[in-house]
Amino acid sequence: MVHHPLAILLTAVAMLLTGLLNAQVNRHQLGAWYMGFWRLGFGEGRWGAQGDVQFRNWDAGADLEQLLLRGGVTYSPKNVQATLTLGYAYILSGAPGESTATTNESRVYQEALLPHHPGWRLFLTHRFRLEERFVQHQDFRTRVRYALFLNAPLNRPKVGPGAVYLALYDELFINGERGIGEGRTVSLFDRNRAYGALGYALNDHLRLQAGAMLQSTDAWTKPQLQLSLHARY
């Protein structure tokens, strides 16, 4: 059978558009992130470790968005209210919808946490993070992130055992490069995350948080349910 070239072209375009539509982010579908964070001090010294495991989904739990594994070594300078971190992260990212395609990313990062207590029950933390990213099928990339966190206990003067607290943050992501290889580009603005939750301190070491995040990029804005466990020893 002989196919007309125009028919072949139209069929190929239709197949491409179908694939793109199937991979589009459903902005109205509530995604879900399930996360665990940990911090560990090495005795009474200034060195420690921290990390997190995150299972992110485009929906409630069956459509993988990302599996993120991250860990680093921390150092707290003398006479300075700060925690510095050098770490590594592995990220497995999935496409939205029925596609089972995934991409891998290795990431090295440097981070500074600066806590600040302006008064009353307001506990702020500034986080500055620089990332060196090795994304599959892309050129080497960097990204700068800044986040402002606020914890405000509602029934205690501090976030201690039995405290119910409000947890808020906003984080801005800026790409260091626009070109990512093979003529492809991204915008300097990568994304913004705005988050609000209620937390409960089980004891001096464990906290639970349940809330929602609105993540915005140039292409889409999507709400995400977030459930997280925070451990500190």
Protein backbone atom coordinates (compact mmCIF):
# COMPACT_ATOMS: atom_id res chain seq x y z
CA MET A 1 0.00 0.00 0.00
CA VAL A 2 1.30 3.46 -0.96
CA HIS A 3 0.73 6.26 1.52
CA HIS A 4 0.51 9.89 0.45
CA PRO A 5 3.35 11.92 2.01
CA LEU A 6 0.86 14.48 3.40
CA ALA A 7 -1.11 11.70 5.10
CA ILE A 8 2.10 10.35 6.65
CA LEU A 9 3.04 13.83 7.87
CA LEU A 10 -0.42 14.47 9.34
CA THR A 11 -0.38 11.10 11.07
CA ALA A 12 3.04 11.80 12.58
CA VAL A 13 1.91 15.24 13.79
CA ALA A 14 -1.24 13.73 15.30
CA MET A 15 0.80 11.09 17.12
CA LEU A 16 3.18 13.76 18.44
CA LEU A 17 0.33 15.97 19.66
CA THR A 18 -1.32 12.98 21.32
CA GLY A 19 1.90 12.21 23.17
CA LEU A 20 2.27 15.82 24.31
CA LEU A 21 -1.32 15.99 25.51
CA ASN A 22 -0.92 12.76 27.44
CA ALA A 23 2.20 14.20 29.10
CA GLN A 24 0.63 17.50 30.10
CA VAL A 25 0.31 18.32 33.76
CA ASN A 26 -3.26 18.21 35.05
CA ARG A 27 -3.41 21.54 36.87
CA HIS A 28 -6.67 20.72 38.60
CA GLN A 29 -5.60 17.32 39.92
CA LEU A 30 -4.32 17.36 43.49
CA GLY A 31 -0.87 15.81 43.68
CA ALA A 32 0.62 14.31 46.83
CA TRP A 33 4.11 14.39 48.31
CA TYR A 34 5.10 12.03 51.12
CA MET A 35 8.34 13.07 52.80
CA GLY A 36 10.72 12.23 55.61
CA PHE A 37 13.43 14.64 56.86
CA TRP A 38 16.20 13.86 59.33
CA ARG A 39 19.02 15.71 61.09
CA LEU A 40 21.75 14.11 63.18
CA GLY A 41 24.42 15.66 65.38
CA PHE A 42 27.74 13.91 65.96
CA GLY A 43 27.99 14.10 69.75
CA GLU A 44 28.61 17.59 71.13
CA GLY A 45 30.71 18.65 68.15
CA ARG A 46 29.90 21.01 65.33
CA TRP A 47 29.61 18.34 62.66
CA GLY A 48 26.49 16.43 61.73
CA ALA A 49 24.41 15.08 58.87
CA GLN A 50 21.02 15.73 57.35
CA GLY A 51 18.89 14.39 54.54
CA ASP A 52 15.44 13.55 53.25
CA VAL A 53 13.47 10.99 51.28
CA GLN A 54 10.59 12.25 49.17
CA PHE A 55 8.01 10.31 47.18
CA ARG A 56 6.28 12.85 44.94
CA ASN A 57 3.26 12.05 42.80
CA TRP A 58 1.28 13.83 40.10
CA ASP A 59 -1.86 12.36 41.71
CA ALA A 60 -2.62 10.82 45.13
CA GLY A 61 0.02 8.13 44.83
CA ALA A 62 0.09 6.05 41.63
CA ASP A 63 1.57 8.49 39.07
CA LEU A 64 5.24 9.08 39.93
CA GLU A 65 6.45 12.65 39.69
CA GLN A 66 9.77 12.21 41.51
CA LEU A 67 11.62 9.95 43.89
CA LEU A 68 14.20 12.07 45.68
CA LEU A 69 16.99 10.80 47.92
CA ARG A 70 19.23 13.45 49.49
CA GLY A 71 21.88 13.59 52.18
CA GLY A 72 24.75 15.78 53.29
CA VAL A 73 27.35 16.60 55.92
CA THR A 74 26.66 19.66 58.10
CA TYR A 75 28.87 22.07 60.01
CA SER A 76 27.85 24.76 62.52
CA PRO A 77 30.48 27.54 62.78
CA LYS A 78 31.48 28.82 66.20
CA ASN A 79 29.75 32.02 67.39
CA VAL A 80 27.47 32.05 64.32
CA GLN A 81 23.81 31.03 64.16
CA ALA A 82 24.10 29.02 60.96
CA THR A 83 24.28 25.49 59.60
CA LEU A 84 26.32 24.81 56.45
CA THR A 85 25.78 21.69 54.36
CA LEU A 86 27.59 19.94 51.51
CA GLY A 87 25.48 17.16 50.03
CA TYR A 88 24.37 14.97 47.17
CA ALA A 89 20.93 14.09 45.81
CA TYR A 90 19.60 11.46 43.39
CA ILE A 91 16.31 12.19 41.62
CA LEU A 92 14.23 9.84 39.47
CA SER A 93 11.58 11.86 37.58
CA GLY A 94 8.49 10.48 35.84
CA ALA A 95 6.24 11.99 33.19
CA PRO A 96 2.61 12.78 34.06
CA GLY A 97 -0.15 10.52 32.78
CA GLU A 98 0.17 7.00 31.44
CA SER A 99 3.77 7.30 30.28
CA THR A 100 6.29 5.18 32.18
CA ALA A 101 9.30 7.14 30.88
CA THR A 102 11.74 8.35 33.53
CA THR A 103 14.85 10.51 33.69
CA ASN A 104 17.70 10.48 36.19
CA GLU A 105 19.47 13.36 37.86
CA SER A 106 22.50 13.53 40.12
CA ARG A 107 22.90 16.73 42.07
CA VAL A 108 25.59 18.22 44.32
CA TYR A 109 24.49 21.07 46.56
CA GLN A 110 25.80 23.60 49.05
CA GLU A 111 23.42 25.08 51.60
CA ALA A 112 23.31 27.67 54.39
CA LEU A 113 20.55 27.74 57.03
CA LEU A 114 20.23 30.96 59.01
CA PRO A 115 17.66 30.91 61.85
CA HIS A 116 16.15 34.16 63.09
CA HIS A 117 13.79 34.85 65.99
CA PRO A 118 12.26 38.34 65.59
CA GLY A 119 10.14 37.96 68.72
CA TRP A 120 6.94 36.59 70.22
CA ARG A 121 6.17 33.17 68.67
CA LEU A 122 7.71 33.77 65.26
CA PHE A 123 10.65 31.55 64.34
CA LEU A 124 12.15 32.26 60.90
CA THR A 125 14.79 30.43 58.91
CA HIS A 126 16.48 31.63 55.72
CA ARG A 127 17.81 28.93 53.44
CA PHE A 128 20.23 29.59 50.58
CA ARG A 129 21.07 26.66 48.30
CA LEU A 130 23.31 26.30 45.24
CA GLU A 131 22.89 23.18 43.09
CA GLU A 132 25.14 21.63 40.46
CA ARG A 133 22.86 19.44 38.36
CA PHE A 134 23.68 16.50 36.09
CA VAL A 135 20.36 15.77 34.36
CA GLN A 136 20.03 12.90 31.90
CA HIS A 137 20.10 14.08 28.24
CA GLN A 138 20.94 17.67 29.27
CA ASP A 139 24.07 19.75 29.60
CA PHE A 140 25.50 20.50 33.03
CA ARG A 141 23.28 23.02 34.83
CA THR A 142 23.24 25.07 38.01
CA ARG A 143 20.38 26.49 40.03
CA VAL A 144 20.05 28.95 42.92
CA ARG A 145 17.29 28.58 45.52
CA TYR A 146 16.14 30.84 48.34
CA ALA A 147 13.50 29.84 50.90
CA LEU A 148 12.01 31.66 53.87
CA PHE A 149 10.46 29.38 56.51
CA LEU A 150 8.17 30.44 59.36
CA ASN A 151 7.14 28.27 62.31
CA ALA A 152 4.64 29.79 64.75
CA PRO A 153 3.57 27.66 67.76
CA LEU A 154 -0.11 28.12 68.64
CA ASN A 155 -0.36 26.60 72.11
CA ARG A 156 3.23 26.83 73.40
CA PRO A 157 5.85 29.59 73.52
CA LYS A 158 8.20 27.34 71.48
CA VAL A 159 7.91 24.33 69.19
CA GLY A 160 8.42 21.69 71.88
CA PRO A 161 6.67 18.46 72.91
CA GLY A 162 2.90 18.78 72.53
CA ALA A 163 3.09 22.00 70.49
CA VAL A 164 0.70 22.62 67.62
CA TYR A 165 2.29 25.04 65.18
CA LEU A 166 1.71 26.82 61.91
CA ALA A 167 4.37 26.09 59.27
CA LEU A 168 4.74 28.36 56.23
CA TYR A 169 7.37 28.78 53.56
CA ASP A 170 7.98 30.27 50.15
CA GLU A 171 10.86 29.18 47.92
CA LEU A 172 12.13 30.73 44.69
CA PHE A 173 14.21 28.77 42.12
CA ILE A 174 16.44 30.54 39.56
CA ASN A 175 18.30 28.72 36.79
CA GLY A 176 21.97 29.55 36.37
CA GLU A 177 21.99 28.83 32.62
CA ARG A 178 19.34 29.05 29.93
CA GLY A 179 20.82 26.60 27.44
CA ILE A 180 20.48 22.91 28.35
CA GLY A 181 21.89 21.34 25.18
CA GLU A 182 20.90 20.58 21.58
CA GLY A 183 19.40 24.04 21.11
CA ARG A 184 16.99 23.69 24.03
CA THR A 185 16.51 26.53 26.50
CA VAL A 186 14.76 27.19 29.79
CA SER A 187 13.78 30.46 31.41
CA LEU A 188 15.82 31.98 34.22
CA PHE A 189 12.79 31.60 36.49
CA ASP A 190 12.48 27.91 37.24
CA ARG A 191 9.63 27.74 39.77
CA ASN A 192 8.14 29.00 43.02
CA ARG A 193 6.69 26.97 45.88
CA ALA A 194 4.29 28.43 48.45
CA TYR A 195 3.39 26.18 51.38
CA GLY A 196 1.15 26.19 54.43
CA ALA A 197 0.62 23.45 57.03
CA LEU A 198 -0.19 22.54 60.59
CA GLY A 199 2.40 20.67 62.58
CA TYR A 200 2.49 18.72 65.82
CA ALA A 201 5.59 18.02 67.92
CA LEU A 202 5.37 14.46 69.21
CA ASN A 203 8.47 14.95 71.41
CA ASP A 204 11.84 16.66 71.28
CA HIS A 205 12.87 14.58 68.27
CA LEU A 206 9.81 14.02 66.06
CA ARG A 207 7.34 16.32 64.36
CA LEU A 208 4.47 15.67 61.95
CA GLN A 209 3.21 18.17 59.37
CA ALA A 210 0.19 18.10 57.05
CA GLY A 211 -0.46 20.84 54.56
CA ALA A 212 -0.57 21.95 50.94
CA MET A 213 1.82 23.54 48.49
CA LEU A 214 1.16 25.53 45.34
CA GLN A 215 3.95 25.02 42.82
CA SER A 216 4.19 27.47 39.91
CA THR A 217 6.34 27.30 36.77
CA ASP A 218 6.17 29.19 33.47
CA ALA A 219 4.10 26.34 32.03
CA TRP A 220 1.74 25.35 34.86
CA THR A 221 0.56 25.86 38.42
CA LYS A 222 -0.47 22.85 40.47
CA PRO A 223 -1.59 22.17 44.08
CA GLN A 224 0.16 19.45 46.06
CA LEU A 225 -0.89 17.77 49.29
CA GLN A 226 2.12 17.31 51.59
CA LEU A 227 2.55 14.91 54.50
CA SER A 228 5.93 14.93 56.24
CA LEU A 229 7.79 13.48 59.21
CA HIS A 230 10.68 15.50 60.68
CA ALA A 231 13.25 13.73 62.88
CA ARG A 232 16.13 15.39 64.72
CA TYR A 233 18.67 13.68 66.99
